[in-house]
Amino acid sequence: MSEVTAEPEKYMNRNVQIAGLIIRETIQPGDAPNSYTFKLTDGNATINVEYSGSDPVPELRPGVGVTVIGVLVSEDTIRSNKILRKCPSKYQQELTKAYLREQGQGRMSTNITG
């Protein structure tokens, strides 16, 4: 994610896959059925996600690791029609630690990764 937000002109209007954690209290239902907006972080960068699709969406809640697939439509926004929930892994644990640092929490909670 950090490389996309650092040089958005390289990725503008192109398909991208971005992995990160959903930021607390940014999940909002969209205007259309099965659509949402939220912010995603990798601990270094943050990007806005506009999701709208027909596929069932994995449980969206703060701290859940996801991969968002879509098109970068501005330097800080990806328009997505596919979201995949990340499986718990070392990468997920590192993202969770970064998320907790960003949220001002010192310790990892088992509730965060679901």
C-alpha atoms as a PDB file:
ATOM      1  CA  MET A   1       0.000   0.000   0.000  1.00  0.00           C
ATOM      2  CA  SER A   2       2.764   2.450   0.883  1.00  0.00           C
ATOM      3  CA  GLU A   3       4.276   2.161  -2.590  1.00  0.00           C
ATOM      4  CA  VAL A   4       0.913   2.970  -4.205  1.00  0.00           C
ATOM      5  CA  THR A   5       0.303   6.007  -2.005  1.00  0.00           C
ATOM      6  CA  ALA A   6       3.921   7.192  -2.407  1.00  0.00           C
ATOM      7  CA  GLU A   7       3.712   7.198  -6.230  1.00  0.00           C
ATOM      8  CA  PRO A   8       0.004   7.224  -7.099  1.00  0.00           C
ATOM      9  CA  GLU A   9       0.629   8.519 -10.637  1.00  0.00           C
ATOM     10  CA  LYS A  10       2.188   5.125 -11.516  1.00  0.00           C
ATOM     11  CA  TYR A  11      -0.995   3.294 -10.487  1.00  0.00           C
ATOM     12  CA  MET A  12      -3.703   5.798 -11.420  1.00  0.00           C
ATOM     13  CA  ASN A  13      -6.667   4.232 -13.261  1.00  0.00           C
ATOM     14  CA  ARG A  14      -4.984   0.816 -13.053  1.00  0.00           C
ATOM     15  CA  ASN A  15      -6.011  -2.362 -11.261  1.00  0.00           C
ATOM     16  CA  VAL A  16      -4.284  -2.760  -7.906  1.00  0.00           C
ATOM     17  CA  GLN A  17      -4.376  -5.157  -4.960  1.00  0.00           C
ATOM     18  CA  ILE A  18      -3.858  -3.565  -1.575  1.00  0.00           C
ATOM     19  CA  ALA A  19      -3.592  -5.438   1.725  1.00  0.00           C
ATOM     20  CA  GLY A  20      -4.152  -3.815   5.077  1.00  0.00           C
ATOM     21  CA  LEU A  21      -6.317  -3.475   8.144  1.00  0.00           C
ATOM     22  CA  ILE A  22      -9.654  -1.696   8.331  1.00  0.00           C
ATOM     23  CA  ILE A  23      -9.385   1.418  10.516  1.00  0.00           C
ATOM     24  CA  ARG A  24     -11.724   1.761  13.467  1.00  0.00           C
ATOM     25  CA  GLU A  25     -14.920   3.746  12.977  1.00  0.00           C
ATOM     26  CA  THR A  26     -14.374   4.411   9.273  1.00  0.00           C
ATOM     27  CA  ILE A  27     -16.798   1.762   7.960  1.00  0.00           C
ATOM     28  CA  GLN A  28     -19.878   3.411   6.477  1.00  0.00           C
ATOM     29  CA  PRO A  29     -22.638   1.833   4.381  1.00  0.00           C
ATOM     30  CA  GLY A  30     -22.755   3.131   0.824  1.00  0.00           C
ATOM     31  CA  ASP A  31     -25.757   4.378  -1.110  1.00  0.00           C
ATOM     32  CA  ALA A  32     -26.211   1.144  -3.072  1.00  0.00           C
ATOM     33  CA  PRO A  33     -26.951  -2.271  -1.582  1.00  0.00           C
ATOM     34  CA  ASN A  34     -23.796  -4.207  -0.645  1.00  0.00           C
ATOM     35  CA  SER A  35     -21.599  -1.105  -0.787  1.00  0.00           C
ATOM     36  CA  TYR A  36     -19.308   0.386   1.855  1.00  0.00           C
ATOM     37  CA  THR A  37     -16.640   3.010   2.349  1.00  0.00           C
ATOM     38  CA  PHE A  38     -13.799   2.620   4.813  1.00  0.00           C
ATOM     39  CA  LYS A  39     -10.122   3.386   5.335  1.00  0.00           C
ATOM     40  CA  LEU A  40      -7.386   0.792   5.115  1.00  0.00           C
ATOM     41  CA  THR A  41      -3.895   1.031   6.645  1.00  0.00           C
ATOM     42  CA  ASP A  42      -0.659  -0.914   6.511  1.00  0.00           C
ATOM     43  CA  GLY A  43       0.729   1.001   9.497  1.00  0.00           C
ATOM     44  CA  ASN A  44       2.611   3.431   7.260  1.00  0.00           C
ATOM     45  CA  ALA A  45      -0.003   4.658   4.799  1.00  0.00           C
ATOM     46  CA  THR A  46      -3.778   4.964   4.663  1.00  0.00           C
ATOM     47  CA  ILE A  47      -6.075   4.710   1.665  1.00  0.00           C
ATOM     48  CA  ASN A  48      -9.827   5.237   1.205  1.00  0.00           C
ATOM     49  CA  VAL A  49     -11.814   2.309  -0.141  1.00  0.00           C
ATOM     50  CA  GLU A  50     -15.122   2.601  -1.988  1.00  0.00           C
ATOM     51  CA  TYR A  51     -16.545  -0.914  -2.321  1.00  0.00           C
ATOM     52  CA  SER A  52     -19.555  -1.894  -4.381  1.00  0.00           C
ATOM     53  CA  GLY A  53     -20.129  -5.386  -5.641  1.00  0.00           C
ATOM     54  CA  SER A  54     -22.387  -8.380  -5.909  1.00  0.00           C
ATOM     55  CA  ASP A  55     -20.112 -10.838  -4.099  1.00  0.00           C
ATOM     56  CA  PRO A  56     -20.748 -11.374  -0.415  1.00  0.00           C
ATOM     57  CA  VAL A  57     -18.367  -9.222   1.574  1.00  0.00           C
ATOM     58  CA  PRO A  58     -16.289 -10.796   4.343  1.00  0.00           C
ATOM     59  CA  GLU A  59     -17.182  -9.564   7.799  1.00  0.00           C
ATOM     60  CA  LEU A  60     -16.058  -5.944   7.840  1.00  0.00           C
ATOM     61  CA  ARG A  61     -15.033  -4.682  11.233  1.00  0.00           C
ATOM     62  CA  PRO A  62     -12.139  -2.662  12.591  1.00  0.00           C
ATOM     63  CA  GLY A  63      -8.813  -4.454  12.675  1.00  0.00           C
ATOM     64  CA  VAL A  64      -9.771  -7.132  10.159  1.00  0.00           C
ATOM     65  CA  GLY A  65      -7.062  -7.802   7.592  1.00  0.00           C
ATOM     66  CA  VAL A  66      -8.299  -7.689   4.011  1.00  0.00           C
ATOM     67  CA  THR A  67      -7.005  -7.514   0.476  1.00  0.00           C
ATOM     68  CA  VAL A  68      -8.878  -5.000  -1.646  1.00  0.00           C
ATOM     69  CA  ILE A  69      -8.857  -5.432  -5.416  1.00  0.00           C
ATOM     70  CA  GLY A  70      -9.895  -2.518  -7.579  1.00  0.00           C
ATOM     71  CA  VAL A  71      -8.866   0.588  -9.508  1.00  0.00           C
ATOM     72  CA  LEU A  72      -6.962   3.530  -8.052  1.00  0.00           C
ATOM     73  CA  VAL A  73      -9.238   6.474  -8.920  1.00  0.00           C
ATOM     74  CA  SER A  74      -7.377   9.216  -7.050  1.00  0.00           C
ATOM     75  CA  GLU A  75      -4.120   9.503  -5.144  1.00  0.00           C
ATOM     76  CA  ASP A  76      -5.820   8.274  -1.970  1.00  0.00           C
ATOM     77  CA  THR A  77      -8.862   6.273  -3.124  1.00  0.00           C
ATOM     78  CA  ILE A  78      -9.392   2.822  -4.582  1.00  0.00           C
ATOM     79  CA  ARG A  79     -12.748   1.821  -6.074  1.00  0.00           C
ATOM     80  CA  SER A  80     -13.179  -1.887  -5.442  1.00  0.00           C
ATOM     81  CA  ASN A  81     -15.529  -4.662  -6.442  1.00  0.00           C
ATOM     82  CA  LYS A  82     -13.705  -7.445  -4.582  1.00  0.00           C
ATOM     83  CA  ILE A  83     -12.588  -7.809  -0.960  1.00  0.00           C
ATOM     84  CA  LEU A  84     -10.841 -10.873   0.397  1.00  0.00           C
ATOM     85  CA  ARG A  85     -10.396 -11.494   4.105  1.00  0.00           C
ATOM     86  CA  LYS A  86      -6.814 -12.286   5.048  1.00  0.00           C
ATOM     87  CA  CYS A  87      -6.086 -15.522   6.865  1.00  0.00           C
ATOM     88  CA  PRO A  88      -4.279 -15.162  10.195  1.00  0.00           C
ATOM     89  CA  SER A  89      -0.556 -15.297   9.561  1.00  0.00           C
ATOM     90  CA  LYS A  90       2.675 -13.615  10.577  1.00  0.00           C
ATOM     91  CA  TYR A  91       1.822 -10.838   8.084  1.00  0.00           C
ATOM     92  CA  GLN A  92      -1.603 -10.428   9.708  1.00  0.00           C
ATOM     93  CA  GLN A  93       0.022 -10.187  13.146  1.00  0.00           C
ATOM     94  CA  GLU A  94       2.415  -7.476  11.924  1.00  0.00           C
ATOM     95  CA  LEU A  95      -0.463  -5.514  10.380  1.00  0.00           C
ATOM     96  CA  THR A  96      -2.429  -5.870  13.607  1.00  0.00           C
ATOM     97  CA  LYS A  97       0.498  -4.510  15.639  1.00  0.00           C
ATOM     98  CA  ALA A  98       0.777  -1.553  13.237  1.00  0.00           C
ATOM     99  CA  TYR A  99      -2.982  -0.978  13.475  1.00  0.00           C
ATOM    100  CA  LEU A 100      -2.869  -0.965  17.264  1.00  0.00           C
ATOM    101  CA  ARG A 101       0.033   1.494  17.243  1.00  0.00           C
ATOM    102  CA  GLU A 102      -1.962   3.769  14.947  1.00  0.00           C
ATOM    103  CA  GLN A 103      -4.998   3.530  17.227  1.00  0.00           C
ATOM    104  CA  GLY A 104      -2.897   4.331  20.308  1.00  0.00           C
ATOM    105  CA  GLN A 105      -3.216   0.912  21.893  1.00  0.00           C
ATOM    106  CA  GLY A 106      -0.125  -0.781  23.239  1.00  0.00           C
ATOM    107  CA  ARG A 107      -1.125  -4.436  23.337  1.00  0.00           C
ATOM    108  CA  MET A 108      -2.577  -6.753  20.715  1.00  0.00           C
ATOM    109  CA  SER A 109      -6.054  -8.046  21.488  1.00  0.00           C
ATOM    110  CA  THR A 110      -7.307 -11.369  20.207  1.00  0.00           C
ATOM    111  CA  ASN A 111     -10.641  -9.681  19.377  1.00  0.00           C
ATOM    112  CA  ILE A 112      -9.003  -7.460  16.759  1.00  0.00           C
ATOM    113  CA  THR A 113      -8.026 -10.191  14.302  1.00  0.00           C
ATOM    114  CA  GLY A 114     -11.327 -12.007  14.662  1.00  0.00           C
END
